[in-house]
Amino acid sequence: MKLTKFQEKAIIKTKAFIDEQPPKRIDIQHLVHFSGLSESKLTKGFKMLYDVTIYQYQLERAMNYAKKLLQEDHQVKEVAITLGYSTSGSFARAFHRVFQETPGEVKWQ
């Protein structure tokens, strides 16, 4: 797939928009609207430019932010709420998928 300069700039701008809000997971429709591209062009172009899906990129950004908060002695439940998880358990599972360790293990390192 070939991207035009406009499409490439729109994807770079979208990544910067995501980077400004690491704990927030932004739904794809909002990103499509923000970028001005079709969902297909945005998702495929993002994967092509950054070698990661938008979902995975947002998840990794959020979990890196979570790791920082945990290392600053924030409680696991507090971090889960900050990232928008409904339970500490769902946050812990997502965290473990990214880092292969639990939030508690990171907190006590």
PDB file of N, CA and C in Angstrom:
ATOM      1  N   MET A   1       0.847  -1.188   0.000  1.00  0.00           N
ATOM      2  CA  MET A   1       0.000   0.000   0.000  1.00  0.00           C
ATOM      3  C   MET A   1       0.888   1.245   0.000  1.00  0.00           C
ATOM      4  N   LYS A   2       0.550   2.174  -0.816  1.00  0.00           N
ATOM      5  CA  LYS A   2       1.288   3.428  -0.937  1.00  0.00           C
ATOM      6  C   LYS A   2       0.485   4.536  -0.268  1.00  0.00           C
ATOM      7  N   LEU A   3       1.155   5.336   0.565  1.00  0.00           N
ATOM      8  CA  LEU A   3       0.507   6.471   1.219  1.00  0.00           C
ATOM      9  C   LEU A   3       0.909   7.764   0.535  1.00  0.00           C
ATOM     10  N   THR A   4      -0.046   8.655   0.398  1.00  0.00           N
ATOM     11  CA  THR A   4       0.286   9.992  -0.097  1.00  0.00           C
ATOM     12  C   THR A   4       0.935  10.767   1.046  1.00  0.00           C
ATOM     13  N   LYS A   5       1.539  11.889   0.742  1.00  0.00           N
ATOM     14  CA  LYS A   5       2.135  12.744   1.787  1.00  0.00           C
ATOM     15  C   LYS A   5       1.065  13.204   2.772  1.00  0.00           C
ATOM     16  N   PHE A   6      -0.120  13.545   2.261  1.00  0.00           N
ATOM     17  CA  PHE A   6      -1.220  13.961   3.119  1.00  0.00           C
ATOM     18  C   PHE A   6      -1.601  12.849   4.090  1.00  0.00           C
ATOM     19  N   GLN A   7      -1.728  11.624   3.585  1.00  0.00           N
ATOM     20  CA  GLN A   7      -2.110  10.489   4.430  1.00  0.00           C
ATOM     21  C   GLN A   7      -1.031  10.202   5.479  1.00  0.00           C
ATOM     22  N   GLU A   8       0.226  10.253   5.050  1.00  0.00           N
ATOM     23  CA  GLU A   8       1.323  10.013   5.990  1.00  0.00           C
ATOM     24  C   GLU A   8       1.331  11.063   7.099  1.00  0.00           C
ATOM     25  N   LYS A   9       1.152  12.335   6.741  1.00  0.00           N
ATOM     26  CA  LYS A   9       1.102  13.403   7.746  1.00  0.00           C
ATOM     27  C   LYS A   9      -0.084  13.220   8.687  1.00  0.00           C
ATOM     28  N   ALA A  10      -1.222  12.795   8.158  1.00  0.00           N
ATOM     29  CA  ALA A  10      -2.413  12.568   8.982  1.00  0.00           C
ATOM     30  C   ALA A  10      -2.167  11.443   9.988  1.00  0.00           C
ATOM     31  N   ILE A  11      -1.465  10.414   9.579  1.00  0.00           N
ATOM     32  CA  ILE A  11      -1.159   9.294  10.478  1.00  0.00           C
ATOM     33  C   ILE A  11      -0.148   9.728  11.541  1.00  0.00           C
ATOM     34  N   ILE A  12       0.844  10.483  11.157  1.00  0.00           N
ATOM     35  CA  ILE A  12       1.831  11.001  12.118  1.00  0.00           C
ATOM     36  C   ILE A  12       1.147  11.910  13.131  1.00  0.00           C
ATOM     37  N   LYS A  13       0.241  12.751  12.657  1.00  0.00           N
ATOM     38  CA  LYS A  13      -0.521  13.656  13.531  1.00  0.00           C
ATOM     39  C   LYS A  13      -1.406  12.846  14.490  1.00  0.00           C
ATOM     40  N   THR A  14      -1.981  11.766  14.008  1.00  0.00           N
ATOM     41  CA  THR A  14      -2.821  10.908  14.840  1.00  0.00           C
ATOM     42  C   THR A  14      -1.989  10.228  15.924  1.00  0.00           C
ATOM     43  N   LYS A  15      -0.807   9.762  15.580  1.00  0.00           N
ATOM     44  CA  LYS A  15       0.081   9.147  16.580  1.00  0.00           C
ATOM     45  C   LYS A  15       0.447  10.174  17.651  1.00  0.00           C
ATOM     46  N   ALA A  16       0.738  11.401  17.253  1.00  0.00           N
ATOM     47  CA  ALA A  16       1.065  12.462  18.216  1.00  0.00           C
ATOM     48  C   ALA A  16      -0.131  12.736  19.132  1.00  0.00           C
ATOM     49  N   PHE A  17      -1.339  12.690  18.580  1.00  0.00           N
ATOM     50  CA  PHE A  17      -2.562  12.879  19.357  1.00  0.00           C
ATOM     51  C   PHE A  17      -2.685  11.775  20.421  1.00  0.00           C
ATOM     52  N   ILE A  18      -2.409  10.545  20.034  1.00  0.00           N
ATOM     53  CA  ILE A  18      -2.429   9.418  20.975  1.00  0.00           C
ATOM     54  C   ILE A  18      -1.353   9.619  22.045  1.00  0.00           C
ATOM     55  N   ASP A  19      -0.165  10.052  21.623  1.00  0.00           N
ATOM     56  CA  ASP A  19       0.953  10.232  22.561  1.00  0.00           C
ATOM     57  C   ASP A  19       0.670  11.291  23.626  1.00  0.00           C
ATOM     58  N   GLU A  20      -0.179  12.253  23.312  1.00  0.00           N
ATOM     59  CA  GLU A  20      -0.515  13.305  24.277  1.00  0.00           C
ATOM     60  C   GLU A  20      -1.390  12.792  25.416  1.00  0.00           C
ATOM     61  N   GLN A  21      -1.990  11.626  25.238  1.00  0.00           N
ATOM     62  CA  GLN A  21      -2.960  11.109  26.202  1.00  0.00           C
ATOM     63  C   GLN A  21      -2.674   9.646  26.532  1.00  0.00           C
ATOM     64  N   PRO A  22      -1.513   9.334  27.117  1.00  0.00           N
ATOM     65  CA  PRO A  22      -1.140   7.924  27.290  1.00  0.00           C
ATOM     66  C   PRO A  22      -2.109   7.065  28.093  1.00  0.00           C
ATOM     67  N   PRO A  23      -2.771   7.597  29.129  1.00  0.00           N
ATOM     68  CA  PRO A  23      -3.644   6.678  29.860  1.00  0.00           C
ATOM     69  C   PRO A  23      -4.987   6.450  29.188  1.00  0.00           C
ATOM     70  N   LYS A  24      -5.308   7.266  28.206  1.00  0.00           N
ATOM     71  CA  LYS A  24      -6.637   7.200  27.597  1.00  0.00           C
ATOM     72  C   LYS A  24      -6.608   6.341  26.336  1.00  0.00           C
ATOM     73  N   ARG A  25      -7.553   5.403  26.255  1.00  0.00           N
ATOM     74  CA  ARG A  25      -7.707   4.626  25.026  1.00  0.00           C
ATOM     75  C   ARG A  25      -8.761   5.324  24.179  1.00  0.00           C
ATOM     76  N   ILE A  26      -8.364   5.760  23.028  1.00  0.00           N
ATOM     77  CA  ILE A  26      -9.237   6.531  22.144  1.00  0.00           C
ATOM     78  C   ILE A  26      -9.842   5.577  21.128  1.00  0.00           C
ATOM     79  N   ASP A  27     -11.158   5.597  21.005  1.00  0.00           N
ATOM     80  CA  ASP A  27     -11.784   4.644  20.080  1.00  0.00           C
ATOM     81  C   ASP A  27     -11.458   4.999  18.639  1.00  0.00           C
ATOM     82  N   ILE A  28     -11.487   3.973  17.819  1.00  0.00           N
ATOM     83  CA  ILE A  28     -11.046   4.104  16.427  1.00  0.00           C
ATOM     84  C   ILE A  28     -11.871   5.128  15.662  1.00  0.00           C
ATOM     85  N   GLN A  29     -13.169   5.225  15.941  1.00  0.00           N
ATOM     86  CA  GLN A  29     -13.998   6.195  15.225  1.00  0.00           C
ATOM     87  C   GLN A  29     -13.569   7.624  15.517  1.00  0.00           C
ATOM     88  N   HIS A  30     -13.160   7.884  16.753  1.00  0.00           N
ATOM     89  CA  HIS A  30     -12.663   9.214  17.102  1.00  0.00           C
ATOM     90  C   HIS A  30     -11.360   9.493  16.348  1.00  0.00           C
ATOM     91  N   LEU A  31     -10.488   8.494  16.258  1.00  0.00           N
ATOM     92  CA  LEU A  31      -9.217   8.666  15.537  1.00  0.00           C
ATOM     93  C   LEU A  31      -9.444   8.844  14.042  1.00  0.00           C
ATOM     94  N   VAL A  32     -10.423   8.139  13.494  1.00  0.00           N
ATOM     95  CA  VAL A  32     -10.776   8.291  12.073  1.00  0.00           C
ATOM     96  C   VAL A  32     -11.223   9.729  11.829  1.00  0.00           C
ATOM     97  N   HIS A  33     -12.111  10.220  12.682  1.00  0.00           N
ATOM     98  CA  HIS A  33     -12.600  11.596  12.550  1.00  0.00           C
ATOM     99  C   HIS A  33     -11.447  12.597  12.684  1.00  0.00           C
ATOM    100  N   PHE A  34     -10.583  12.367  13.680  1.00  0.00           N
ATOM    101  CA  PHE A  34      -9.445  13.264  13.913  1.00  0.00           C
ATOM    102  C   PHE A  34      -8.514  13.290  12.700  1.00  0.00           C
ATOM    103  N   SER A  35      -8.229  12.125  12.130  1.00  0.00           N
ATOM    104  CA  SER A  35      -7.253  12.031  11.035  1.00  0.00           C
ATOM    105  C   SER A  35      -7.813  12.503   9.692  1.00  0.00           C
ATOM    106  N   GLY A  36      -9.119  12.361   9.512  1.00  0.00           N
ATOM    107  CA  GLY A  36      -9.703  12.676   8.220  1.00  0.00           C
ATOM    108  C   GLY A  36      -9.519  11.571   7.191  1.00  0.00           C
ATOM    109  N   LEU A  37      -9.040  10.418   7.632  1.00  0.00           N
ATOM    110  CA  LEU A  37      -8.824   9.280   6.741  1.00  0.00           C
ATOM    111  C   LEU A  37      -9.915   8.241   6.970  1.00  0.00           C
ATOM    112  N   SER A  38     -10.040   7.306   6.043  1.00  0.00           N
ATOM    113  CA  SER A  38     -10.955   6.192   6.257  1.00  0.00           C
ATOM    114  C   SER A  38     -10.355   5.280   7.331  1.00  0.00           C
ATOM    115  N   GLU A  39     -11.205   4.488   7.966  1.00  0.00           N
ATOM    116  CA  GLU A  39     -10.711   3.567   8.988  1.00  0.00           C
ATOM    117  C   GLU A  39      -9.668   2.615   8.411  1.00  0.00           C
ATOM    118  N   SER A  40      -9.933   2.117   7.228  1.00  0.00           N
ATOM    119  CA  SER A  40      -9.008   1.190   6.587  1.00  0.00           C
ATOM    120  C   SER A  40      -7.654   1.845   6.310  1.00  0.00           C
ATOM    121  N   LYS A  41      -7.689   3.045   5.736  1.00  0.00           N
ATOM    122  CA  LYS A  41      -6.439   3.742   5.408  1.00  0.00           C
ATOM    123  C   LYS A  41      -5.661   4.072   6.684  1.00  0.00           C
ATOM    124  N   LEU A  42      -6.371   4.508   7.729  1.00  0.00           N
ATOM    125  CA  LEU A  42      -5.709   4.850   8.984  1.00  0.00           C
ATOM    126  C   LEU A  42      -5.085   3.617   9.635  1.00  0.00           C
ATOM    127  N   THR A  43      -5.851   2.552   9.769  1.00  0.00           N
ATOM    128  CA  THR A  43      -5.327   1.375  10.467  1.00  0.00           C
ATOM    129  C   THR A  43      -4.202   0.689   9.684  1.00  0.00           C
ATOM    130  N   LYS A  44      -4.389   0.557   8.393  1.00  0.00           N
ATOM    131  CA  LYS A  44      -3.339  -0.080   7.576  1.00  0.00           C
ATOM    132  C   LYS A  44      -2.109   0.815   7.461  1.00  0.00           C
ATOM    133  N   GLY A  45      -2.326   2.115   7.309  1.00  0.00           N
ATOM    134  CA  GLY A  45      -1.198   3.045   7.217  1.00  0.00           C
ATOM    135  C   GLY A  45      -0.415   3.133   8.514  1.00  0.00           C
ATOM    136  N   PHE A  46      -1.114   3.135   9.651  1.00  0.00           N
ATOM    137  CA  PHE A  46      -0.451   3.167  10.961  1.00  0.00           C
ATOM    138  C   PHE A  46       0.418   1.928  11.128  1.00  0.00           C
ATOM    139  N   LYS A  47      -0.136   0.777  10.803  1.00  0.00           N
ATOM    140  CA  LYS A  47       0.607  -0.489  10.911  1.00  0.00           C
ATOM    141  C   LYS A  47       1.829  -0.461   9.992  1.00  0.00           C
ATOM    142  N   MET A  48       1.669   0.092   8.795  1.00  0.00           N
ATOM    143  CA  MET A  48       2.771   0.161   7.845  1.00  0.00           C
ATOM    144  C   MET A  48       3.883   1.091   8.351  1.00  0.00           C
ATOM    145  N   LEU A  49       3.500   2.254   8.877  1.00  0.00           N
ATOM    146  CA  LEU A  49       4.501   3.222   9.336  1.00  0.00           C
ATOM    147  C   LEU A  49       5.188   2.815  10.631  1.00  0.00           C
ATOM    148  N   TYR A  50       4.429   2.223  11.555  1.00  0.00           N
ATOM    149  CA  TYR A  50       4.963   1.988  12.899  1.00  0.00           C
ATOM    150  C   TYR A  50       5.106   0.510  13.267  1.00  0.00           C
ATOM    151  N   ASP A  51       4.720  -0.367  12.371  1.00  0.00           N
ATOM    152  CA  ASP A  51       4.862  -1.813  12.568  1.00  0.00           C
ATOM    153  C   ASP A  51       4.141  -2.318  13.819  1.00  0.00           C
ATOM    154  N   VAL A  52       3.038  -1.666  14.150  1.00  0.00           N
ATOM    155  CA  VAL A  52       2.207  -2.065  15.283  1.00  0.00           C
ATOM    156  C   VAL A  52       0.792  -1.552  15.008  1.00  0.00           C
ATOM    157  N   THR A  53      -0.215  -2.269  15.495  1.00  0.00           N
ATOM    158  CA  THR A  53      -1.580  -1.794  15.299  1.00  0.00           C
ATOM    159  C   THR A  53      -1.854  -0.610  16.225  1.00  0.00           C
ATOM    160  N   ILE A  54      -2.866   0.164  15.888  1.00  0.00           N
ATOM    161  CA  ILE A  54      -3.255   1.293  16.742  1.00  0.00           C
ATOM    162  C   ILE A  54      -3.636   0.787  18.125  1.00  0.00           C
ATOM    163  N   TYR A  55      -4.409  -0.294  18.180  1.00  0.00           N
ATOM    164  CA  TYR A  55      -4.823  -0.856  19.469  1.00  0.00           C
ATOM    165  C   TYR A  55      -3.608  -1.232  20.308  1.00  0.00           C
ATOM    166  N   GLN A  56      -2.675  -1.968  19.722  1.00  0.00           N
ATOM    167  CA  GLN A  56      -1.487  -2.412  20.465  1.00  0.00           C
ATOM    168  C   GLN A  56      -0.638  -1.216  20.892  1.00  0.00           C
ATOM    169  N   TYR A  57      -0.524  -0.222  20.034  1.00  0.00           N
ATOM    170  CA  TYR A  57       0.250   0.968  20.376  1.00  0.00           C
ATOM    171  C   TYR A  57      -0.362   1.677  21.585  1.00  0.00           C
ATOM    172  N   GLN A  58      -1.680   1.857  21.552  1.00  0.00           N
ATOM    173  CA  GLN A  58      -2.351   2.520  22.676  1.00  0.00           C
ATOM    174  C   GLN A  58      -2.215   1.697  23.959  1.00  0.00           C
ATOM    175  N   LEU A  59      -2.343   0.385  23.840  1.00  0.00           N
ATOM    176  CA  LEU A  59      -2.215  -0.489  25.008  1.00  0.00           C
ATOM    177  C   LEU A  59      -0.806  -0.376  25.614  1.00  0.00           C
ATOM    178  N   GLU A  60       0.210  -0.433  24.774  1.00  0.00           N
ATOM    179  CA  GLU A  60       1.590  -0.341  25.269  1.00  0.00           C
ATOM    180  C   GLU A  60       1.870   1.022  25.899  1.00  0.00           C
ATOM    181  N   ARG A  61       1.353   2.093  25.294  1.00  0.00           N
ATOM    182  CA  ARG A  61       1.522   3.438  25.872  1.00  0.00           C
ATOM    183  C   ARG A  61       0.867   3.499  27.254  1.00  0.00           C
ATOM    184  N   ALA A  62      -0.352   3.001  27.337  1.00  0.00           N
ATOM    185  CA  ALA A  62      -1.087   3.024  28.607  1.00  0.00           C
ATOM    186  C   ALA A  62      -0.385   2.187  29.666  1.00  0.00           C
ATOM    187  N   MET A  63       0.110   1.019  29.287  1.00  0.00           N
ATOM    188  CA  MET A  63       0.770   0.149  30.264  1.00  0.00           C
ATOM    189  C   MET A  63       2.121   0.706  30.701  1.00  0.00           C
ATOM    190  N   ASN A  64       2.817   1.377  29.813  1.00  0.00           N
ATOM    191  CA  ASN A  64       4.062   2.035  30.220  1.00  0.00           C
ATOM    192  C   ASN A  64       3.773   3.163  31.202  1.00  0.00           C
ATOM    193  N   TYR A  65       2.694   3.882  30.975  1.00  0.00           N
ATOM    194  CA  TYR A  65       2.263   4.931  31.901  1.00  0.00           C
ATOM    195  C   TYR A  65       1.885   4.303  33.247  1.00  0.00           C
ATOM    196  N   ALA A  66       1.162   3.189  33.196  1.00  0.00           N
ATOM    197  CA  ALA A  66       0.768   2.475  34.414  1.00  0.00           C
ATOM    198  C   ALA A  66       1.998   2.017  35.194  1.00  0.00           C
ATOM    199  N   LYS A  67       2.974   1.497  34.481  1.00  0.00           N
ATOM    200  CA  LYS A  67       4.202   1.021  35.136  1.00  0.00           C
ATOM    201  C   LYS A  67       4.892   2.171  35.870  1.00  0.00           C
ATOM    202  N   LYS A  68       4.935   3.323  35.239  1.00  0.00           N
ATOM    203  CA  LYS A  68       5.533   4.504  35.858  1.00  0.00           C
ATOM    204  C   LYS A  68       4.778   4.872  37.134  1.00  0.00           C
ATOM    205  N   LEU A  69       3.447   4.870  37.067  1.00  0.00           N
ATOM    206  CA  LEU A  69       2.646   5.196  38.255  1.00  0.00           C
ATOM    207  C   LEU A  69       2.872   4.190  39.376  1.00  0.00           C
ATOM    208  N   LEU A  70       2.938   2.917  39.031  1.00  0.00           N
ATOM    209  CA  LEU A  70       3.173   1.886  40.039  1.00  0.00           C
ATOM    210  C   LEU A  70       4.537   2.056  40.701  1.00  0.00           C
ATOM    211  N   GLN A  71       5.532   2.397  39.913  1.00  0.00           N
ATOM    212  CA  GLN A  71       6.876   2.611  40.451  1.00  0.00           C
ATOM    213  C   GLN A  71       6.944   3.867  41.315  1.00  0.00           C
ATOM    214  N   GLU A  72       5.984   4.787  41.112  1.00  0.00           N
ATOM    215  CA  GLU A  72       5.891   5.983  41.942  1.00  0.00           C
ATOM    216  C   GLU A  72       5.019   5.728  43.179  1.00  0.00           C
ATOM    217  N   ASP A  73       4.707   4.453  43.423  1.00  0.00           N
ATOM    218  CA  ASP A  73       3.980   4.007  44.616  1.00  0.00           C
ATOM    219  C   ASP A  73       2.478   4.259  44.600  1.00  0.00           C
ATOM    220  N   HIS A  74       1.878   4.369  43.429  1.00  0.00           N
ATOM    221  CA  HIS A  74       0.414   4.440  43.347  1.00  0.00           C
ATOM    222  C   HIS A  74      -0.156   3.038  43.539  1.00  0.00           C
ATOM    223  N   GLN A  75      -1.340   2.946  44.089  1.00  0.00           N
ATOM    224  CA  GLN A  75      -2.007   1.665  44.306  1.00  0.00           C
ATOM    225  C   GLN A  75      -2.499   1.084  42.978  1.00  0.00           C
ATOM    226  N   VAL A  76      -2.514  -0.249  42.884  1.00  0.00           N
ATOM    227  CA  VAL A  76      -2.945  -0.927  41.666  1.00  0.00           C
ATOM    228  C   VAL A  76      -4.370  -0.501  41.291  1.00  0.00           C
ATOM    229  N   LYS A  77      -5.266  -0.474  42.261  1.00  0.00           N
ATOM    230  CA  LYS A  77      -6.655  -0.099  41.985  1.00  0.00           C
ATOM    231  C   LYS A  77      -6.741   1.328  41.442  1.00  0.00           C
ATOM    232  N   GLU A  78      -5.958   2.225  42.002  1.00  0.00           N
ATOM    233  CA  GLU A  78      -5.933   3.626  41.549  1.00  0.00           C
ATOM    234  C   GLU A  78      -5.467   3.714  40.095  1.00  0.00           C
ATOM    235  N   VAL A  79      -4.429   2.960  39.768  1.00  0.00           N
ATOM    236  CA  VAL A  79      -3.902   2.958  38.401  1.00  0.00           C
ATOM    237  C   VAL A  79      -4.935   2.373  37.437  1.00  0.00           C
ATOM    238  N   ALA A  80      -5.593   1.295  37.851  1.00  0.00           N
ATOM    239  CA  ALA A  80      -6.628   0.675  37.010  1.00  0.00           C
ATOM    240  C   ALA A  80      -7.727   1.686  36.696  1.00  0.00           C
ATOM    241  N   ILE A  81      -8.160   2.426  37.695  1.00  0.00           N
ATOM    242  CA  ILE A  81      -9.215   3.434  37.490  1.00  0.00           C
ATOM    243  C   ILE A  81      -8.715   4.553  36.578  1.00  0.00           C
ATOM    244  N   THR A  82      -7.494   4.996  36.790  1.00  0.00           N
ATOM    245  CA  THR A  82      -6.906   6.054  35.963  1.00  0.00           C
ATOM    246  C   THR A  82      -6.895   5.658  34.485  1.00  0.00           C
ATOM    247  N   LEU A  83      -6.631   4.381  34.218  1.00  0.00           N
ATOM    248  CA  LEU A  83      -6.574   3.899  32.840  1.00  0.00           C
ATOM    249  C   LEU A  83      -7.940   3.508  32.288  1.00  0.00           C
ATOM    250  N   GLY A  84      -8.975   3.606  33.101  1.00  0.00           N
ATOM    251  CA  GLY A  84     -10.323   3.342  32.624  1.00  0.00           C
ATOM    252  C   GLY A  84     -10.779   1.894  32.707  1.00  0.00           C
ATOM    253  N   TYR A  85     -10.071   1.077  33.473  1.00  0.00           N
ATOM    254  CA  TYR A  85     -10.482  -0.322  33.647  1.00  0.00           C
ATOM    255  C   TYR A  85     -11.570  -0.394  34.710  1.00  0.00           C
ATOM    256  N   SER A  86     -12.541  -1.270  34.489  1.00  0.00           N
ATOM    257  CA  SER A  86     -13.646  -1.394  35.438  1.00  0.00           C
ATOM    258  C   SER A  86     -13.256  -2.199  36.672  1.00  0.00           C
ATOM    259  N   THR A  87     -12.241  -3.077  36.524  1.00  0.00           N
ATOM    260  CA  THR A  87     -11.767  -3.849  37.671  1.00  0.00           C
ATOM    261  C   THR A  87     -10.241  -3.905  37.671  1.00  0.00           C
ATOM    262  N   SER A  88      -9.692  -4.111  38.857  1.00  0.00           N
ATOM    263  CA  SER A  88      -8.237  -4.270  38.974  1.00  0.00           C
ATOM    264  C   SER A  88      -7.784  -5.531  38.252  1.00  0.00           C
ATOM    265  N   GLY A  89      -8.646  -6.562  38.259  1.00  0.00           N
ATOM    266  CA  GLY A  89      -8.296  -7.823  37.601  1.00  0.00           C
ATOM    267  C   GLY A  89      -8.136  -7.681  36.100  1.00  0.00           C
ATOM    268  N   SER A  90      -9.038  -6.945  35.461  1.00  0.00           N
ATOM    269  CA  SER A  90      -8.918  -6.774  34.007  1.00  0.00           C
ATOM    270  C   SER A  90      -7.681  -5.941  33.672  1.00  0.00           C
ATOM    271  N   PHE A  91      -7.382  -4.958  34.516  1.00  0.00           N
ATOM    272  CA  PHE A  91      -6.152  -4.186  34.323  1.00  0.00           C
ATOM    273  C   PHE A  91      -4.936  -5.094  34.484  1.00  0.00           C
ATOM    274  N   ALA A  92      -4.930  -5.916  35.530  1.00  0.00           N
ATOM    275  CA  ALA A  92      -3.777  -6.791  35.802  1.00  0.00           C
ATOM    276  C   ALA A  92      -3.537  -7.760  34.650  1.00  0.00           C
ATOM    277  N   ARG A  93      -4.622  -8.282  34.059  1.00  0.00           N
ATOM    278  CA  ARG A  93      -4.457  -9.204  32.912  1.00  0.00           C
ATOM    279  C   ARG A  93      -3.842  -8.480  31.711  1.00  0.00           C
ATOM    280  N   ALA A  94      -4.319  -7.283  31.427  1.00  0.00           N
ATOM    281  CA  ALA A  94      -3.759  -6.509  30.310  1.00  0.00           C
ATOM    282  C   ALA A  94      -2.297  -6.163  30.577  1.00  0.00           C
ATOM    283  N   PHE A  95      -1.999  -5.768  31.803  1.00  0.00           N
ATOM    284  CA  PHE A  95      -0.634  -5.427  32.189  1.00  0.00           C
ATOM    285  C   PHE A  95       0.286  -6.646  32.013  1.00  0.00           C
ATOM    286  N   HIS A  96      -0.198  -7.799  32.448  1.00  0.00           N
ATOM    287  CA  HIS A  96       0.598  -9.025  32.337  1.00  0.00           C
ATOM    288  C   HIS A  96       0.848  -9.405  30.880  1.00  0.00           C
ATOM    289  N   ARG A  97      -0.144  -9.184  30.003  1.00  0.00           N
ATOM    290  CA  ARG A  97       0.042  -9.482  28.565  1.00  0.00           C
ATOM    291  C   ARG A  97       1.169  -8.649  27.965  1.00  0.00           C
ATOM    292  N   VAL A  98       1.327  -7.418  28.446  1.00  0.00           N
ATOM    293  CA  VAL A  98       2.357  -6.538  27.901  1.00  0.00           C
ATOM    294  C   VAL A  98       3.723  -6.825  28.515  1.00  0.00           C
ATOM    295  N   PHE A  99       3.786  -6.990  29.833  1.00  0.00           N
ATOM    296  CA  PHE A  99       5.081  -7.082  30.531  1.00  0.00           C
ATOM    297  C   PHE A  99       5.450  -8.471  31.049  1.00  0.00           C
ATOM    298  N   GLN A 100       4.541  -9.440  30.970  1.00  0.00           N
ATOM    299  CA  GLN A 100       4.760 -10.779  31.506  1.00  0.00           C
ATOM    300  C   GLN A 100       5.100 -10.749  33.004  1.00  0.00           C
ATOM    301  N   GLU A 101       4.568  -9.773  33.698  1.00  0.00           N
ATOM    302  CA  GLU A 101       4.648  -9.710  35.156  1.00  0.00           C
ATOM    303  C   GLU A 101       3.422  -8.955  35.654  1.00  0.00           C
ATOM    304  N   THR A 102       3.102  -9.166  36.904  1.00  0.00           N
ATOM    305  CA  THR A 102       1.892  -8.538  37.442  1.00  0.00           C
ATOM    306  C   THR A 102       2.193  -7.114  37.900  1.00  0.00           C
ATOM    307  N   PRO A 103       1.153  -6.304  38.036  1.00  0.00           N
ATOM    308  CA  PRO A 103       1.360  -4.945  38.572  1.00  0.00           C
ATOM    309  C   PRO A 103       1.998  -4.985  39.968  1.00  0.00           C
ATOM    310  N   GLY A 104       1.609  -5.949  40.772  1.00  0.00           N
ATOM    311  CA  GLY A 104       2.188  -6.076  42.116  1.00  0.00           C
ATOM    312  C   GLY A 104       3.679  -6.349  42.076  1.00  0.00           C
ATOM    313  N   GLU A 105       4.113  -7.180  41.126  1.00  0.00           N
ATOM    314  CA  GLU A 105       5.546  -7.484  41.001  1.00  0.00           C
ATOM    315  C   GLU A 105       6.321  -6.221  40.628  1.00  0.00           C
ATOM    316  N   VAL A 106       5.770  -5.400  39.764  1.00  0.00           N
ATOM    317  CA  VAL A 106       6.435  -4.159  39.356  1.00  0.00           C
ATOM    318  C   VAL A 106       6.467  -3.189  40.519  1.00  0.00           C
ATOM    319  N   LYS A 107       5.366  -3.102  41.247  1.00  0.00           N
ATOM    320  CA  LYS A 107       5.242  -2.171  42.365  1.00  0.00           C
ATOM    321  C   LYS A 107       6.309  -2.443  43.429  1.00  0.00           C
ATOM    322  N   TRP A 108       6.652  -3.705  43.632  1.00  0.00           N
ATOM    323  CA  TRP A 108       7.587  -4.044  44.718  1.00  0.00           C
ATOM    324  C   TRP A 108       9.015  -4.242  44.238  1.00  0.00           C
ATOM    325  N   GLN A 109       9.340  -3.854  43.039  1.00  0.00           N
ATOM    326  CA  GLN A 109      10.725  -3.985  42.543  1.00  0.00           C
ATOM    327  C   GLN A 109      11.597  -2.894  43.084  1.00  0.00           C
TER     328      GLN A 109
END
